[in-house]
Amino acid sequence: MGWRPRRWRPRQWRPQPSDRFYRFIVRTGLALRWLFRIRVLITGQEHLPHPGPAVASPQYASPLKVSARGPSRTVVPGQGAVIAITHFGYLDFAFAEMLLWWNNRAQLRFLITQGAADHWFAGPAVSAAGHVVVGYGSGTHAYDAAVARLKEGEYIGILPEAGVSRSFMVRECKTGAVRMAAEAAVPIIPVSVWGAHRLMTRHHAFSPWRAWRAPVRIHVGEPLLPGSLPDPADDAQPATARLARTLQDGIDVGIADFPLNPAPGAWWMPAGRGGGAPTEEERRRLDEADGPRRAGARRR
């Protein structure tokens, strides 16, 4: 056999989770928000974990002068939470992350696919931010790791729809959020984000024109408390359906007083509200054509 040179691969650097790095990410997000003058309008903040001494907020709380300096929230065992977030666009998670930072300087950990963790550029950032990696296969290890983090007092961010809902209505949710919260005995806090999908979502790339002074509505729904969740060994579907309804109720609240008046047939509005998004029937057909949603798959 002839000699063949080995293919060079960059060394995988995996830094330890860093509070300083997380605050750098927060500063970057706040800077981009300031650059495009994005207006974040928040309701339901009373349902968030208690932030400690704070100034009372108006109906629309938009903390414009939040600093990323100073340490993050101290993690206290027994004070964790699952943060369940709607998934209509690619930036919904970032606004939820900002929301938790504004509330009590909390670091929000997400379940990240192994593919992203293995990327030469994104991988070190995933590691430094302390996210939970969902390995190829069943994702059981990531589930156990997330439950352990919740018991330790961390906030774990979950996108229970497991993919972008192109109808811009909350679609069927996976049971993982309910099962994790039930096993860790922590609440689920529903966070509905409306308007971030206008900035970037499937088939609609980021547009500086759309982002300029764009409004984003966030509504925090009433938490699903541990006492109302099923035993981890029982059927989690009813509680998951309740979570989906709560998330959709939050979207309805956001749509009702959204500052923009959409044109008839606007692509970013649901079909049931006169928009140009796919109907629920069309969305299901397109989802089926994409194949099953599964742990470790590439998030759509």
Foldseek 3Di string as FASTA:
>chain_A
DDDDDDDDDDDADADAADQVLLLVVVVVVLVVCVVQVEAEFEAALVQDPQQPDDDDADRGRDPNDDHSDDGADDFAFPAEEEEEEEAAFDCRVVVVQNVVCVRHRAQEAEEAFVVQLPDRPSVNVNNRSPHQYQYPDASPVSLVVLLVCRRRRHYYYDHQLQAHQQLLAQDQGDLSNLLSCLSSQAKYKYKAKAFVVQQGHPPHHGDSVCSRHTYMYIYIFRIDGNVNGDHSVDDRRVVSVVSSVRNRVRVVVCVVVPPDDDDQQDSRHHVVVRHVGDHPVVSVVVVVVVPDRHTNDDHD
